[in-house]
Amino acid sequence: MKTIIVAEIGSNWEGSVSKAKKIIQECKKAGADIVKFQMWRAEDLYSKNHPNWKEIKKSELTFEKARKIKKIADQARIEFMCSVFYPEAVTFLETLNVKKYKIASRTCLIKDPHSLEVLESKALTKKPIIISMGMGGDRKKIERIFSKNKTIFCYCISEYPLEFKKIDWKEALKYDGFSDHTSGITAPILFTILKKQKKSKQILIEKHVKLKNSKGPDASTSMNTKELSELVSNIRIIENANF
């Protein structure tokens, strides 16, 4: 059994390439397999009257910054991945030779500008796709779009933070991935144990990760890299346990 651990950076790099470098290096040291960023245009997804507009706009991942961050990840020997929210970004990321793509929960609703186009653009790459459907959406339609891609669907509830008691474990175990928004490391560890008992060949865990003193919009619902290290250590023990 192999558990892929994705450190979702989100906006926790705060628009700073130097902070992105630090968090990438710390995620690598913690043992994560992938660092994930988000490529969106603020105007497509948010109102300029949003209370965190300045922070959101600051965290926009431009092509120039993405190129630098991908190089940093390559040097750290950790995979760089993105959720992408407009098709031109998929075209750009293909020039960086990314290995796979993430689909955010809100994209699965196909309500944001360019949602359908970006899904179709990712499908055309024929690369592996990781899909969170925490806001709902038509799974059969998503499966049709990605019929020629290897897919991992993630159990997800889009609440930040998520109360542990709201997790439907019977439903969660129908998925190979778990995009977790609870506080701490208990939920992903339990998911890993239960999936191992079911003899799952591959498991994916995604958690929002921040630097210790991060002040980004996602910071309040993210774990720090020390907690990430604890999570990874526990999951690797579970992987090798005989049960």
Protein backbone atom coordinates (compact mmCIF):
# COMPACT_ATOMS: atom_id res chain seq x y z
CA MET A 1 0.00 0.00 0.00
CA LYS A 2 1.26 3.46 -0.90
CA THR A 3 -0.17 6.64 0.57
CA ILE A 4 0.39 9.81 -1.44
CA ILE A 5 0.52 12.83 0.86
CA VAL A 6 -0.32 16.17 -0.72
CA ALA A 7 0.59 19.39 1.08
CA GLU A 8 -1.98 21.94 -0.11
CA ILE A 9 -0.23 25.30 0.06
CA GLY A 10 -3.22 27.27 -1.24
CA SER A 11 -2.68 30.94 -0.42
CA ASN A 12 -0.27 30.21 2.45
CA TRP A 13 2.72 31.28 0.37
CA GLU A 14 1.19 34.79 0.52
CA GLY A 15 2.37 35.71 -2.96
CA SER A 16 6.03 35.49 -1.95
CA VAL A 17 8.33 33.19 -3.92
CA SER A 18 10.78 33.18 -0.99
CA LYS A 19 8.02 32.01 1.37
CA ALA A 20 6.98 29.44 -1.21
CA LYS A 21 10.57 28.16 -1.26
CA LYS A 22 10.66 27.86 2.51
CA ILE A 23 7.36 26.01 2.76
CA ILE A 24 8.31 23.68 -0.11
CA GLN A 25 11.58 22.81 1.59
CA GLU A 26 9.82 22.22 4.91
CA CYS A 27 7.14 20.05 3.27
CA LYS A 28 9.89 18.00 1.63
CA LYS A 29 11.67 17.62 4.96
CA ALA A 30 8.36 16.57 6.55
CA GLY A 31 8.06 13.77 3.98
CA ALA A 32 5.20 15.00 1.79
CA ASP A 33 5.06 13.64 -1.76
CA ILE A 34 3.48 16.63 -3.48
CA VAL A 35 3.18 20.37 -2.88
CA LYS A 36 0.03 21.81 -4.38
CA PHE A 37 -0.66 25.39 -5.41
CA GLN A 38 -3.67 27.03 -7.06
CA MET A 39 -3.74 28.91 -10.35
CA TRP A 40 -6.69 31.26 -10.60
CA ARG A 41 -7.41 34.85 -11.53
CA ALA A 42 -8.93 36.72 -8.61
CA GLU A 43 -11.42 38.56 -10.81
CA ASP A 44 -12.85 35.26 -12.09
CA LEU A 45 -13.73 33.91 -8.65
CA TYR A 46 -14.10 36.77 -6.19
CA SER A 47 -15.74 40.18 -5.88
CA LYS A 48 -13.42 43.12 -5.42
CA ASN A 49 -15.58 43.92 -2.38
CA HIS A 50 -14.49 40.68 -0.70
CA PRO A 51 -13.10 41.51 2.79
CA ASN A 52 -9.85 39.66 1.98
CA TRP A 53 -9.55 41.01 -1.58
CA LYS A 54 -6.01 42.39 -1.12
CA GLU A 55 -4.73 39.11 0.35
CA ILE A 56 -6.51 37.09 -2.34
CA LYS A 57 -5.11 39.23 -5.16
CA LYS A 58 -1.64 39.04 -3.60
CA SER A 59 -1.81 35.22 -3.62
CA GLU A 60 -2.53 34.99 -7.34
CA LEU A 61 -0.06 32.53 -8.90
CA THR A 62 1.19 34.15 -12.10
CA PHE A 63 2.93 32.21 -14.85
CA GLU A 64 6.24 33.84 -13.96
CA LYS A 65 5.97 32.90 -10.30
CA ALA A 66 4.73 29.40 -11.15
CA ARG A 67 7.81 28.81 -13.29
CA LYS A 68 10.06 29.84 -10.40
CA ILE A 69 8.17 27.76 -7.85
CA LYS A 70 8.15 24.69 -10.09
CA LYS A 71 11.95 25.00 -10.39
CA ILE A 72 12.25 25.27 -6.60
CA ALA A 73 10.13 22.13 -6.17
CA ASP A 74 12.23 20.28 -8.76
CA GLN A 75 15.40 21.25 -6.93
CA ALA A 76 13.87 20.04 -3.65
CA ARG A 77 12.84 16.80 -5.38
CA ILE A 78 9.18 17.10 -4.52
CA GLU A 79 6.38 17.05 -7.07
CA PHE A 80 4.68 20.36 -7.96
CA MET A 81 0.96 20.23 -8.69
CA CYS A 82 -1.81 22.77 -9.18
CA SER A 83 -5.52 23.17 -9.06
CA VAL A 84 -6.21 25.21 -12.20
CA PHE A 85 -9.19 27.47 -12.78
CA TYR A 86 -8.75 28.74 -16.35
CA PRO A 87 -7.68 26.86 -19.50
CA GLU A 88 -4.71 29.07 -20.43
CA ALA A 89 -3.08 27.98 -17.18
CA VAL A 90 -3.33 24.33 -18.22
CA THR A 91 -1.59 25.19 -21.50
CA PHE A 92 1.14 26.96 -19.55
CA LEU A 93 1.61 24.18 -17.00
CA GLU A 94 2.04 21.68 -19.82
CA THR A 95 5.19 23.60 -20.80
CA LEU A 96 6.50 22.90 -17.27
CA ASN A 97 5.85 19.17 -17.66
CA VAL A 98 3.68 18.76 -14.57
CA LYS A 99 2.81 15.14 -13.87
CA LYS A 100 -0.83 15.49 -12.80
CA TYR A 101 -3.63 17.96 -12.04
CA LYS A 102 -6.06 18.62 -9.20
CA ILE A 103 -9.71 19.54 -9.63
CA ALA A 104 -11.07 21.75 -6.85
CA SER A 105 -14.52 21.13 -5.39
CA ARG A 106 -15.93 24.40 -6.71
CA THR A 107 -14.81 23.57 -10.25
CA CYS A 108 -16.90 20.36 -10.17
CA LEU A 109 -20.03 22.49 -9.85
CA ILE A 110 -19.26 23.94 -13.30
CA LYS A 111 -20.56 27.34 -12.23
CA ASP A 112 -17.39 29.44 -12.17
CA PRO A 113 -16.21 31.14 -15.36
CA HIS A 114 -14.24 28.67 -17.51
CA SER A 115 -15.02 25.62 -15.30
CA LEU A 116 -16.09 23.35 -18.15
CA GLU A 117 -13.29 24.54 -20.43
CA VAL A 118 -10.66 23.89 -17.76
CA LEU A 119 -12.01 20.39 -17.09
CA GLU A 120 -11.88 19.59 -20.78
CA SER A 121 -8.39 21.10 -21.10
CA LYS A 122 -7.09 18.90 -18.28
CA ALA A 123 -8.76 15.85 -19.80
CA LEU A 124 -6.94 16.44 -23.08
CA THR A 125 -3.56 16.14 -21.33
CA LYS A 126 -4.47 12.48 -20.54
CA LYS A 127 -2.55 12.90 -17.29
CA PRO A 128 -3.71 11.63 -13.86
CA ILE A 129 -6.41 13.76 -12.26
CA ILE A 130 -7.20 14.14 -8.54
CA ILE A 131 -10.77 15.30 -7.94
CA SER A 132 -12.42 16.73 -4.83
CA MET A 133 -16.21 17.01 -4.87
CA GLY A 134 -16.79 18.61 -1.49
CA MET A 135 -19.43 20.98 -2.85
CA GLY A 136 -21.32 18.36 -4.85
CA GLY A 137 -21.56 18.27 -8.61
CA ASP A 138 -22.42 15.62 -11.18
CA ARG A 139 -19.89 12.83 -10.62
CA LYS A 140 -21.04 10.85 -13.66
CA LYS A 141 -20.44 13.89 -15.86
CA ILE A 142 -16.99 14.39 -14.34
CA GLU A 143 -16.20 10.72 -14.93
CA ARG A 144 -17.25 11.03 -18.57
CA ILE A 145 -15.02 14.05 -19.09
CA PHE A 146 -12.05 12.16 -17.63
CA SER A 147 -12.82 8.77 -19.15
CA LYS A 148 -9.31 8.59 -20.67
CA ASN A 149 -7.47 9.80 -17.56
CA LYS A 150 -6.46 7.93 -14.45
CA THR A 151 -8.57 9.48 -11.68
CA ILE A 152 -8.55 9.58 -7.89
CA PHE A 153 -11.75 10.94 -6.35
CA CYS A 154 -11.36 12.44 -2.88
CA TYR A 155 -13.87 12.44 -0.08
CA CYS A 156 -14.21 16.06 0.95
CA ILE A 157 -16.55 18.35 2.87
CA SER A 158 -16.00 21.99 2.02
CA GLU A 159 -16.19 23.45 5.52
CA TYR A 160 -13.23 25.24 7.10
CA PRO A 161 -12.51 23.92 9.66
CA LEU A 162 -14.61 20.76 9.44
CA GLU A 163 -15.98 19.22 12.63
CA PHE A 164 -14.74 15.64 12.98
CA LYS A 165 -18.24 14.40 13.83
CA LYS A 166 -19.52 15.50 10.42
CA ILE A 167 -17.39 12.93 8.58
CA ASP A 168 -19.50 10.10 7.14
CA TRP A 169 -16.97 7.27 7.33
CA LYS A 170 -19.06 4.78 5.37
CA GLU A 171 -19.22 7.29 2.54
CA ALA A 172 -15.59 8.33 2.92
CA LEU A 173 -14.36 4.77 2.46
CA LYS A 174 -15.93 4.64 -1.00
CA TYR A 175 -13.12 7.00 -2.10
CA ASP A 176 -9.39 6.42 -2.55
CA GLY A 177 -8.56 9.99 -1.57
CA PHE A 178 -9.37 12.19 1.42
CA SER A 179 -9.09 15.97 1.18
CA ASP A 180 -9.35 16.74 4.88
CA HIS A 181 -10.32 20.04 6.47
CA THR A 182 -10.53 18.95 10.12
CA SER A 183 -8.06 20.28 12.66
CA GLY A 184 -5.15 18.02 13.56
CA ILE A 185 -4.07 14.69 12.13
CA THR A 186 -6.59 12.21 13.56
CA ALA A 187 -9.00 12.05 10.60
CA PRO A 188 -6.43 11.29 7.86
CA ILE A 189 -4.73 8.72 10.09
CA LEU A 190 -8.05 6.97 10.71
CA PHE A 191 -8.86 7.08 6.98
CA THR A 192 -5.49 5.48 6.20
CA ILE A 193 -6.02 2.69 8.76
CA LEU A 194 -9.52 1.92 7.49
CA LYS A 195 -8.41 1.91 3.84
CA LYS A 196 -5.47 -0.36 4.67
CA GLN A 197 -7.89 -2.79 6.30
CA LYS A 198 -9.79 -2.81 3.00
CA LYS A 199 -6.55 -3.71 1.19
CA SER A 200 -6.55 -0.51 -0.85
CA LYS A 201 -3.54 -0.37 -3.17
CA GLN A 202 -3.31 3.41 -3.27
CA ILE A 203 -4.48 6.11 -0.87
CA LEU A 204 -4.21 9.88 -1.18
CA ILE A 205 -4.33 12.35 1.70
CA GLU A 206 -4.51 16.11 1.18
CA LYS A 207 -4.11 18.65 3.99
CA HIS A 208 -3.74 22.44 3.95
CA VAL A 209 -0.24 23.32 5.16
CA LYS A 210 1.32 26.59 6.27
CA LEU A 211 4.49 28.01 7.74
CA LYS A 212 4.36 28.52 11.50
CA ASN A 213 3.74 32.28 11.28
CA SER A 214 1.63 32.34 8.10
CA LYS A 215 -1.06 35.01 7.90
CA GLY A 216 -2.65 34.07 4.56
CA PRO A 217 -6.43 33.64 4.08
CA ASP A 218 -6.08 29.85 4.51
CA ALA A 219 -3.81 30.01 7.56
CA SER A 220 -6.47 29.64 10.25
CA THR A 221 -7.56 26.26 8.88
CA SER A 222 -4.13 24.90 7.95
CA MET A 223 -1.64 22.73 9.83
CA ASN A 224 1.96 23.79 10.18
CA THR A 225 4.84 21.77 8.76
CA LYS A 226 5.69 20.26 12.16
CA GLU A 227 2.19 18.78 12.29
CA LEU A 228 2.64 17.63 8.69
CA SER A 229 5.79 15.78 9.74
CA GLU A 230 3.86 14.04 12.53
CA LEU A 231 1.12 13.08 10.07
CA VAL A 232 3.58 11.66 7.55
CA SER A 233 5.48 9.71 10.23
CA ASN A 234 2.29 8.09 11.50
CA ILE A 235 1.06 7.22 8.02
CA ARG A 236 4.37 5.62 7.08
CA ILE A 237 4.14 3.46 10.22
CA ILE A 238 0.63 2.40 9.24
CA GLU A 239 1.80 1.55 5.72
CA ASN A 240 4.30 -0.96 7.10
CA ALA A 241 2.10 -2.39 9.85
CA ASN A 242 0.96 -6.01 9.61
CA PHE A 243 -2.82 -6.03 9.94
